[in-house]
């Protein structure tokens, strides 16, 4: 049976696959993510196209070095108005971002791509709308102190599966998409590709 390689260092994505009973290996892709995102934005690409392009770049990068393996690339972006939000460099920047998102609605887009031998075979893009509740500066400071550096690796700066759930009033969309991987379509694609039993 063909092995599955996850082209991502994301602990959340690894946990989702592991808990779903999917056997896989991890080989994070080495791509210039920020530069690619900037180039695509400058060319007028929308948030969905950017998420998909990032996921595909990761899958193709790793699949070229793993002959015969099925490689899963995934990425997420946040759209807030006309702005694309990425990961924050430090907690001060994250605090400023979350204060701006407080009481507002943003969209989270998570894309996944399967590739083999440098050829994309399947892709899916999931969307979720998240409305943050208005929260106090004191709550935010306590949240960031409790979560620490871990949330800097999360697009949007929250772990929705953890204390980050307290930031929200409403979420419309697939739970797994919010966690960074549209899991059910991925599982269906893995069955279709013979990676999982159907």
Protein backbone atom coordinates (compact mmCIF):
# COMPACT_ATOMS: atom_id res chain seq x y z
CA UNK A 1 0.00 0.00 0.00
CA UNK A 2 1.26 3.51 -0.84
CA UNK A 3 2.47 5.44 2.18
CA UNK A 4 1.12 8.87 3.09
CA UNK A 5 3.48 11.75 3.87
CA UNK A 6 2.23 14.91 5.54
CA UNK A 7 4.15 17.91 4.18
CA UNK A 8 3.50 19.98 7.29
CA UNK A 9 5.01 20.51 10.73
CA UNK A 10 1.57 21.46 12.10
CA UNK A 11 0.90 19.56 15.32
CA UNK A 12 -2.83 20.17 14.86
CA UNK A 13 -2.88 18.52 11.42
CA UNK A 14 -0.78 15.62 12.70
CA UNK A 15 -3.17 15.13 15.62
CA UNK A 16 -6.24 15.17 13.35
CA UNK A 17 -4.80 12.47 11.08
CA UNK A 18 -3.51 10.38 13.99
CA UNK A 19 -6.82 10.48 15.85
CA UNK A 20 -8.67 9.55 12.64
CA UNK A 21 -6.51 6.41 12.45
CA UNK A 22 -4.55 7.45 9.36
CA UNK A 23 -0.99 6.05 9.16
CA UNK A 24 1.45 8.69 7.91
CA UNK A 25 4.96 10.07 8.08
CA UNK A 26 5.88 13.72 8.51
CA UNK A 27 8.23 15.62 6.21
CA UNK A 28 7.68 19.38 6.47
CA UNK A 29 7.96 21.23 3.17
CA UNK A 30 10.71 23.80 2.82
CA UNK A 31 9.09 26.61 0.83
CA UNK A 32 9.35 30.39 1.04
CA UNK A 33 5.80 30.69 2.32
CA UNK A 34 5.76 34.43 3.08
CA UNK A 35 7.35 35.32 -0.27
CA UNK A 36 4.93 33.11 -2.22
CA UNK A 37 1.98 34.61 -0.34
CA UNK A 38 3.24 38.14 -1.08
CA UNK A 39 3.76 37.36 -4.78
CA UNK A 40 0.27 35.87 -5.12
CA UNK A 41 -1.31 38.82 -3.29
CA UNK A 42 0.56 41.27 -5.53
CA UNK A 43 -0.74 39.39 -8.58
CA UNK A 44 -4.31 39.85 -7.31
CA UNK A 45 -4.97 36.28 -6.16
CA UNK A 46 -7.81 35.87 -3.67
CA UNK A 47 -7.57 34.19 -0.27
CA UNK A 48 -8.86 30.82 -1.50
CA UNK A 49 -6.40 30.75 -4.39
CA UNK A 50 -3.54 31.66 -2.06
CA UNK A 51 -4.40 28.94 0.47
CA UNK A 52 -4.64 26.39 -2.35
CA UNK A 53 -1.37 27.52 -3.95
CA UNK A 54 0.47 27.28 -0.62
CA UNK A 55 -0.92 23.79 0.04
CA UNK A 56 0.01 22.68 -3.47
CA UNK A 57 3.53 24.12 -3.23
CA UNK A 58 4.08 22.13 -0.03
CA UNK A 59 2.71 18.89 -1.51
CA UNK A 60 4.73 19.21 -4.73
CA UNK A 61 7.94 20.19 -2.94
CA UNK A 62 7.92 17.05 -0.80
CA UNK A 63 6.48 14.67 -3.41
CA UNK A 64 9.38 15.36 -5.80
CA UNK A 65 11.72 13.84 -3.20
CA UNK A 66 9.51 10.89 -2.17
CA UNK A 67 8.98 8.76 -5.30
CA UNK A 68 5.73 6.81 -5.24
CA UNK A 69 4.52 8.30 -1.96
CA UNK A 70 1.22 10.11 -1.62
CA UNK A 71 1.92 13.55 -0.16
CA UNK A 72 -0.61 15.70 1.63
CA UNK A 73 0.02 19.44 1.63
CA UNK A 74 -2.19 21.80 3.61
CA UNK A 75 -2.32 25.47 4.48
CA UNK A 76 -4.68 28.01 5.99
CA UNK A 77 -5.14 31.75 5.61
CA UNK A 78 -7.38 34.24 7.37
CA UNK A 79 -9.23 36.95 5.46
CA UNK A 80 -10.28 39.96 7.53
CA UNK A 81 -12.04 42.47 5.31
CA UNK A 82 -9.69 43.03 2.39
CA UNK A 83 -6.66 41.99 4.42
CA UNK A 84 -4.94 38.60 4.51
CA UNK A 85 -3.74 37.70 7.98
CA UNK A 86 -0.85 35.31 8.49
CA UNK A 87 1.07 34.11 11.53
CA UNK A 88 2.35 36.79 13.90
CA UNK A 89 6.08 37.14 14.61
CA UNK A 90 5.64 37.72 18.35
CA UNK A 91 3.06 37.96 21.12
CA UNK A 92 2.91 41.77 20.95
CA UNK A 93 1.89 41.61 17.27
CA UNK A 94 -0.59 38.85 18.06
CA UNK A 95 -2.12 40.88 20.87
CA UNK A 96 -2.62 43.82 18.48
CA UNK A 97 -4.18 41.52 15.87
CA UNK A 98 -6.60 39.90 18.31
CA UNK A 99 -7.68 43.31 19.63
CA UNK A 100 -8.53 44.25 16.02
CA UNK A 101 -10.45 40.98 15.50
CA UNK A 102 -12.39 41.40 18.77
CA UNK A 103 -16.11 41.79 18.04
CA UNK A 104 -15.51 41.23 14.31
CA UNK A 105 -16.08 38.42 11.81
CA UNK A 106 -13.30 36.92 9.71
CA UNK A 107 -13.03 34.02 7.28
CA UNK A 108 -10.64 31.12 7.64
CA UNK A 109 -9.76 29.16 4.51
CA UNK A 110 -8.02 25.77 4.78
CA UNK A 111 -6.82 24.03 1.63
CA UNK A 112 -5.49 20.51 1.13
CA UNK A 113 -3.72 18.96 -1.86
CA UNK A 114 -2.67 15.37 -2.57
CA UNK A 115 0.29 14.87 -4.91
CA UNK A 116 2.42 11.98 -6.11
CA UNK A 117 5.73 12.22 -7.98
CA UNK A 118 5.42 15.99 -8.38
CA UNK A 119 1.90 15.86 -9.84
CA UNK A 120 -1.16 17.22 -8.00
CA UNK A 121 -3.95 14.61 -7.99
CA UNK A 122 -6.67 16.15 -5.82
CA UNK A 123 -7.47 19.37 -3.96
CA UNK A 124 -10.13 20.79 -1.68
CA UNK A 125 -10.68 24.17 -0.07
CA UNK A 126 -12.80 24.57 3.06
CA UNK A 127 -14.24 27.84 4.37
CA UNK A 128 -15.40 28.90 7.83
CA UNK A 129 -16.73 32.22 9.15
CA UNK A 130 -15.70 33.03 12.70
CA UNK A 131 -17.10 35.84 14.84
CA UNK A 132 -15.01 36.85 17.81
CA UNK A 133 -16.78 38.13 20.88
CA UNK A 134 -15.87 41.54 22.27
CA UNK A 135 -13.36 40.77 25.03
CA UNK A 136 -11.47 42.86 27.55
CA UNK A 137 -7.78 43.63 27.41
CA UNK A 138 -7.43 41.81 30.75
CA UNK A 139 -9.00 38.65 29.29
CA UNK A 140 -6.71 38.83 26.25
CA UNK A 141 -3.61 39.25 28.41
CA UNK A 142 -4.62 36.23 30.51
CA UNK A 143 -5.31 34.20 27.37
CA UNK A 144 -1.93 35.02 25.83
CA UNK A 145 -0.12 34.34 29.12
CA UNK A 146 -1.77 30.91 29.33
CA UNK A 147 -1.22 29.96 25.67
CA UNK A 148 2.25 31.45 25.31
CA UNK A 149 4.38 30.95 22.22
CA UNK A 150 2.32 27.98 20.96
CA UNK A 151 -0.29 30.22 19.33
CA UNK A 152 2.34 31.98 17.21
CA UNK A 153 2.32 28.90 14.97
CA UNK A 154 -1.45 29.24 14.43
CA UNK A 155 -2.89 31.38 11.65
CA UNK A 156 -5.09 33.92 13.42
CA UNK A 157 -3.38 33.24 16.74
CA UNK A 158 -5.86 30.87 18.32
CA UNK A 159 -6.23 27.17 19.01
CA UNK A 160 -9.96 26.72 18.53
CA UNK A 161 -9.73 23.19 19.93
CA UNK A 162 -8.36 24.63 23.19
CA UNK A 163 -8.68 27.87 25.18
CA UNK A 164 -9.03 29.78 21.90
CA UNK A 165 -12.69 28.68 21.81
CA UNK A 166 -13.31 31.32 24.49
CA UNK A 167 -12.53 34.06 21.95
CA UNK A 168 -15.63 33.33 19.86
CA UNK A 169 -19.34 34.06 19.81
CA UNK A 170 -20.15 32.09 16.66
CA UNK A 171 -18.53 29.83 14.10
CA UNK A 172 -20.10 28.80 10.79
CA UNK A 173 -18.40 26.00 8.94
CA UNK A 174 -16.59 22.74 9.37
CA UNK A 175 -14.81 22.20 12.71
CA UNK A 176 -11.86 20.47 11.04
CA UNK A 177 -11.43 23.31 8.55
CA UNK A 178 -11.03 25.69 11.50
CA UNK A 179 -8.30 23.40 12.86
CA UNK A 180 -6.40 23.69 9.57
CA UNK A 181 -7.37 20.56 7.64
CA UNK A 182 -10.71 19.79 5.91
CA UNK A 183 -10.48 16.26 7.29
CA UNK A 184 -13.60 14.57 5.90
CA UNK A 185 -12.86 15.44 2.24
CA UNK A 186 -9.23 14.41 2.82
CA UNK A 187 -10.31 11.03 4.19
CA UNK A 188 -12.64 10.52 1.21
CA UNK A 189 -9.79 11.36 -1.18
CA UNK A 190 -7.43 8.96 0.61
CA UNK A 191 -10.03 6.20 0.22
CA UNK A 192 -10.45 7.06 -3.48
CA UNK A 193 -6.66 6.89 -3.95
CA UNK A 194 -6.41 3.51 -2.19
CA UNK A 195 -4.48 4.88 0.79
CA UNK A 196 -7.32 3.99 3.18
CA UNK A 197 -9.79 1.12 2.96
CA UNK A 198 -13.11 2.02 1.38
